[in-house]
């Protein structure tokens, strides 16, 4: 952990705040005694609105069922061969 004095913080505040957010917490000292820390704010977790959705019972019943018939490549090949 990096330790800096209050005077150094006042002289280069922006630098030390960026340093704390990019690397590690910074310990602030006053006459050699620790008085505070600068620590990064935890980044928010990404919102996942669909994770909390409530499915309609009708959809939930068929959600994992496979649908369809032929693959699209088969359909295109048949159309191409038929012309």
N, C-alpha and C. Protein backbone atom coordinates (compact mmCIF):
# COMPACT_ATOMS: atom_id res chain seq x y z
N UNK A 1 0.85 -1.17 0.00
CA UNK A 1 0.00 0.00 0.00
C UNK A 1 0.90 1.23 0.00
N UNK A 2 0.56 2.21 -0.79
CA UNK A 2 1.31 3.46 -0.87
C UNK A 2 0.88 4.37 0.27
N UNK A 3 1.84 5.02 0.91
CA UNK A 3 1.53 5.98 1.98
C UNK A 3 2.03 7.36 1.54
N UNK A 4 1.14 8.37 1.64
CA UNK A 4 1.53 9.74 1.30
C UNK A 4 1.06 10.67 2.40
N UNK A 5 1.69 11.83 2.46
CA UNK A 5 1.31 12.81 3.49
C UNK A 5 0.13 13.65 2.99
N UNK A 6 -0.53 14.31 3.92
CA UNK A 6 -1.63 15.21 3.54
C UNK A 6 -1.14 16.33 2.63
N UNK A 7 0.08 16.81 2.86
CA UNK A 7 0.63 17.86 2.02
C UNK A 7 0.79 17.38 0.58
N UNK A 8 1.27 16.14 0.41
CA UNK A 8 1.41 15.56 -0.93
C UNK A 8 0.05 15.40 -1.59
N UNK A 9 -0.94 15.01 -0.82
CA UNK A 9 -2.30 14.88 -1.36
C UNK A 9 -2.82 16.23 -1.84
N UNK A 10 -2.61 17.29 -1.06
CA UNK A 10 -3.07 18.61 -1.46
C UNK A 10 -2.35 19.08 -2.72
N UNK A 11 -1.10 18.74 -2.85
CA UNK A 11 -0.33 19.20 -4.01
C UNK A 11 -0.72 18.47 -5.29
N UNK A 12 -1.09 17.19 -5.19
CA UNK A 12 -1.38 16.38 -6.40
C UNK A 12 -2.61 15.51 -6.21
N UNK A 13 -3.70 16.12 -5.82
CA UNK A 13 -4.92 15.37 -5.51
C UNK A 13 -5.38 14.49 -6.67
N UNK A 14 -5.53 15.07 -7.86
CA UNK A 14 -6.05 14.31 -9.00
C UNK A 14 -5.16 13.10 -9.30
N UNK A 15 -3.88 13.29 -9.25
CA UNK A 15 -2.95 12.18 -9.52
C UNK A 15 -3.16 11.03 -8.53
N UNK A 16 -3.26 11.34 -7.25
CA UNK A 16 -3.37 10.29 -6.25
C UNK A 16 -4.74 9.60 -6.27
N UNK A 17 -5.77 10.35 -6.61
CA UNK A 17 -7.10 9.72 -6.72
C UNK A 17 -7.10 8.75 -7.89
N UNK A 18 -6.55 9.16 -9.03
CA UNK A 18 -6.46 8.24 -10.17
C UNK A 18 -5.60 7.03 -9.82
N UNK A 19 -4.52 7.25 -9.14
CA UNK A 19 -3.63 6.16 -8.73
C UNK A 19 -4.39 5.14 -7.87
N UNK A 20 -5.19 5.64 -6.96
CA UNK A 20 -5.95 4.74 -6.08
C UNK A 20 -7.00 3.95 -6.86
N UNK A 21 -7.63 4.55 -7.85
CA UNK A 21 -8.65 3.83 -8.60
C UNK A 21 -8.05 2.84 -9.58
N UNK A 22 -6.84 3.11 -10.07
CA UNK A 22 -6.23 2.23 -11.06
C UNK A 22 -5.38 1.13 -10.44
N UNK A 23 -4.79 1.38 -9.27
CA UNK A 23 -3.86 0.41 -8.74
C UNK A 23 -4.25 -0.14 -7.37
N UNK A 24 -3.99 0.61 -6.33
CA UNK A 24 -4.22 0.09 -4.99
C UNK A 24 -4.62 1.23 -4.06
N UNK A 25 -5.20 0.91 -2.90
CA UNK A 25 -5.56 1.95 -1.95
C UNK A 25 -4.33 2.75 -1.51
N UNK A 26 -4.57 4.00 -1.12
CA UNK A 26 -3.50 4.88 -0.67
C UNK A 26 -3.78 5.27 0.77
N UNK A 27 -2.75 5.17 1.61
CA UNK A 27 -2.84 5.54 3.01
C UNK A 27 -2.40 6.98 3.18
N UNK A 28 -3.22 7.80 3.81
CA UNK A 28 -2.88 9.20 4.08
C UNK A 28 -2.32 9.31 5.49
N UNK A 29 -1.23 10.07 5.61
CA UNK A 29 -0.61 10.24 6.92
C UNK A 29 -0.53 11.72 7.28
N UNK A 30 -0.58 11.99 8.57
CA UNK A 30 -0.41 13.34 9.09
C UNK A 30 0.68 13.26 10.15
N UNK A 31 1.81 13.88 9.85
CA UNK A 31 2.99 13.79 10.73
C UNK A 31 3.39 12.34 10.99
N UNK A 32 3.30 11.52 9.94
CA UNK A 32 3.72 10.12 10.03
C UNK A 32 2.68 9.17 10.58
N UNK A 33 1.58 9.69 11.11
CA UNK A 33 0.53 8.81 11.67
C UNK A 33 -0.58 8.60 10.64
N UNK A 34 -1.02 7.38 10.42
CA UNK A 34 -2.10 7.13 9.47
C UNK A 34 -3.41 7.79 9.92
N UNK A 35 -4.09 8.48 8.97
CA UNK A 35 -5.35 9.15 9.31
C UNK A 35 -6.52 8.74 8.42
N UNK A 36 -6.24 8.30 7.19
CA UNK A 36 -7.33 7.95 6.27
C UNK A 36 -6.78 7.11 5.13
N UNK A 37 -7.70 6.56 4.34
CA UNK A 37 -7.35 5.80 3.14
C UNK A 37 -8.16 6.30 1.96
N UNK A 38 -7.57 6.26 0.81
CA UNK A 38 -8.30 6.49 -0.45
C UNK A 38 -8.44 5.13 -1.09
N UNK A 39 -9.67 4.67 -1.24
CA UNK A 39 -9.92 3.36 -1.83
C UNK A 39 -10.89 3.52 -3.00
N UNK A 40 -10.77 2.70 -4.03
CA UNK A 40 -11.68 2.81 -5.17
C UNK A 40 -13.10 2.39 -4.81
N UNK A 41 -14.04 3.03 -5.43
CA UNK A 41 -15.46 2.66 -5.30
C UNK A 41 -15.68 1.39 -6.09
N UNK A 42 -16.31 0.38 -5.52
CA UNK A 42 -16.56 -0.85 -6.30
C UNK A 42 -17.44 -0.55 -7.49
N UNK A 43 -17.09 -1.15 -8.62
CA UNK A 43 -17.88 -0.91 -9.82
C UNK A 43 -19.24 -1.61 -9.68
N UNK A 44 -20.30 -0.97 -10.18
CA UNK A 44 -21.62 -1.58 -10.07
C UNK A 44 -21.72 -2.82 -10.96
N UNK A 45 -22.47 -3.78 -10.49
CA UNK A 45 -22.69 -4.98 -11.29
C UNK A 45 -23.62 -4.62 -12.44
N UNK A 46 -23.39 -5.23 -13.60
CA UNK A 46 -24.27 -4.92 -14.73
C UNK A 46 -25.71 -5.33 -14.45
N UNK A 47 -26.60 -4.52 -14.90
CA UNK A 47 -28.02 -4.80 -14.71
C UNK A 47 -28.44 -5.96 -15.61
N UNK A 48 -29.20 -6.86 -15.06
CA UNK A 48 -29.70 -8.01 -15.83
C UNK A 48 -31.21 -8.07 -15.68
N UNK A 49 -31.94 -7.23 -16.41
CA UNK A 49 -33.39 -7.19 -16.22
C UNK A 49 -34.09 -8.49 -16.59
N UNK A 50 -33.55 -9.25 -17.55
CA UNK A 50 -34.21 -10.48 -17.96
C UNK A 50 -34.00 -11.61 -16.95
N UNK A 51 -33.02 -11.48 -16.07
CA UNK A 51 -32.79 -12.52 -15.08
C UNK A 51 -33.92 -12.57 -14.06
N UNK A 52 -34.61 -11.45 -13.88
CA UNK A 52 -35.69 -11.39 -12.89
C UNK A 52 -37.08 -11.49 -13.52
N UNK A 53 -37.13 -11.75 -14.80
CA UNK A 53 -38.44 -11.77 -15.47
C UNK A 53 -39.27 -12.96 -15.01
N UNK A 54 -40.56 -12.79 -15.07
CA UNK A 54 -41.48 -13.87 -14.74
C UNK A 54 -42.15 -14.29 -16.04
N UNK A 55 -41.96 -15.53 -16.41
CA UNK A 55 -42.50 -16.02 -17.66
C UNK A 55 -43.97 -16.37 -17.50
N UNK A 56 -44.70 -16.17 -18.57
CA UNK A 56 -46.09 -16.63 -18.60
C UNK A 56 -46.09 -18.15 -18.53
N UNK A 57 -47.02 -18.74 -17.82
CA UNK A 57 -47.03 -20.21 -17.69
C UNK A 57 -47.07 -20.91 -19.05
N UNK A 58 -47.82 -20.35 -20.00
CA UNK A 58 -47.92 -20.97 -21.32
C UNK A 58 -46.56 -20.99 -22.02
N UNK A 59 -45.81 -19.90 -21.89
CA UNK A 59 -44.49 -19.83 -22.53
C UNK A 59 -43.50 -20.72 -21.80
N UNK A 60 -43.54 -20.72 -20.49
CA UNK A 60 -42.61 -21.54 -19.71
C UNK A 60 -42.77 -23.02 -20.06
N UNK A 61 -43.99 -23.45 -20.38
CA UNK A 61 -44.25 -24.85 -20.71
C UNK A 61 -43.61 -25.25 -22.03
N UNK A 62 -43.50 -24.32 -22.97
CA UNK A 62 -42.96 -24.66 -24.29
C UNK A 62 -41.57 -24.08 -24.54
N UNK A 63 -40.99 -23.44 -23.57
CA UNK A 63 -39.74 -22.71 -23.75
C UNK A 63 -38.60 -23.60 -24.25
N UNK A 64 -38.46 -24.81 -23.77
CA UNK A 64 -37.35 -25.66 -24.14
C UNK A 64 -37.70 -26.66 -25.25
N UNK A 65 -38.88 -26.55 -25.80
CA UNK A 65 -39.29 -27.45 -26.86
C UNK A 65 -38.67 -26.98 -28.18
N UNK A 66 -38.25 -27.92 -29.00
CA UNK A 66 -37.69 -27.58 -30.30
C UNK A 66 -38.82 -27.36 -31.30
N UNK A 67 -38.63 -26.37 -32.13
CA UNK A 67 -39.61 -26.03 -33.14
C UNK A 67 -38.98 -26.18 -34.52
N UNK A 68 -39.83 -26.17 -35.53
CA UNK A 68 -39.33 -26.06 -36.89
C UNK A 68 -39.26 -27.37 -37.61
N UNK A 69 -38.83 -27.25 -38.82
CA UNK A 69 -38.70 -28.41 -39.69
C UNK A 69 -37.31 -28.45 -40.27
N UNK A 70 -37.23 -28.06 -41.54
CA UNK A 70 -35.96 -28.12 -42.24
C UNK A 70 -35.03 -26.98 -41.83
N UNK A 71 -33.75 -27.26 -41.99
CA UNK A 71 -32.73 -26.25 -41.78
C UNK A 71 -32.76 -25.26 -42.95
N UNK A 72 -32.42 -24.04 -42.72
CA UNK A 72 -32.48 -23.02 -43.79
C UNK A 72 -31.56 -23.36 -44.95
N UNK A 73 -30.44 -24.02 -44.69
CA UNK A 73 -29.55 -24.38 -45.81
C UNK A 73 -30.23 -25.39 -46.72
N UNK A 74 -31.03 -26.29 -46.16
CA UNK A 74 -31.77 -27.24 -46.98
C UNK A 74 -32.81 -26.53 -47.82
N UNK A 75 -33.51 -25.59 -47.23
CA UNK A 75 -34.55 -24.85 -47.95
C UNK A 75 -33.95 -24.08 -49.11
N UNK A 76 -32.83 -23.41 -48.88
CA UNK A 76 -32.19 -22.62 -49.94
C UNK A 76 -31.69 -23.55 -51.04
N UNK A 77 -31.11 -24.69 -50.66
CA UNK A 77 -30.63 -25.64 -51.67
C UNK A 77 -31.78 -26.16 -52.52
N UNK A 78 -32.91 -26.48 -51.92
CA UNK A 78 -34.06 -26.96 -52.65
C UNK A 78 -34.59 -25.89 -53.60
N UNK A 79 -34.62 -24.65 -53.16
CA UNK A 79 -35.10 -23.56 -53.99
C UNK A 79 -34.15 -23.36 -55.17
N UNK A 80 -32.88 -23.45 -54.93
CA UNK A 80 -31.88 -23.27 -55.98
C UNK A 80 -31.96 -24.38 -57.00
N UNK A 81 -32.13 -25.63 -56.54
CA UNK A 81 -32.20 -26.77 -57.44
C UNK A 81 -33.49 -26.79 -58.23
N UNK A 82 -34.55 -26.26 -57.69
CA UNK A 82 -35.86 -26.27 -58.33
C UNK A 82 -35.96 -25.24 -59.46
N UNK A 83 -35.08 -24.27 -59.52
CA UNK A 83 -35.19 -23.24 -60.56
C UNK A 83 -34.39 -23.56 -61.78
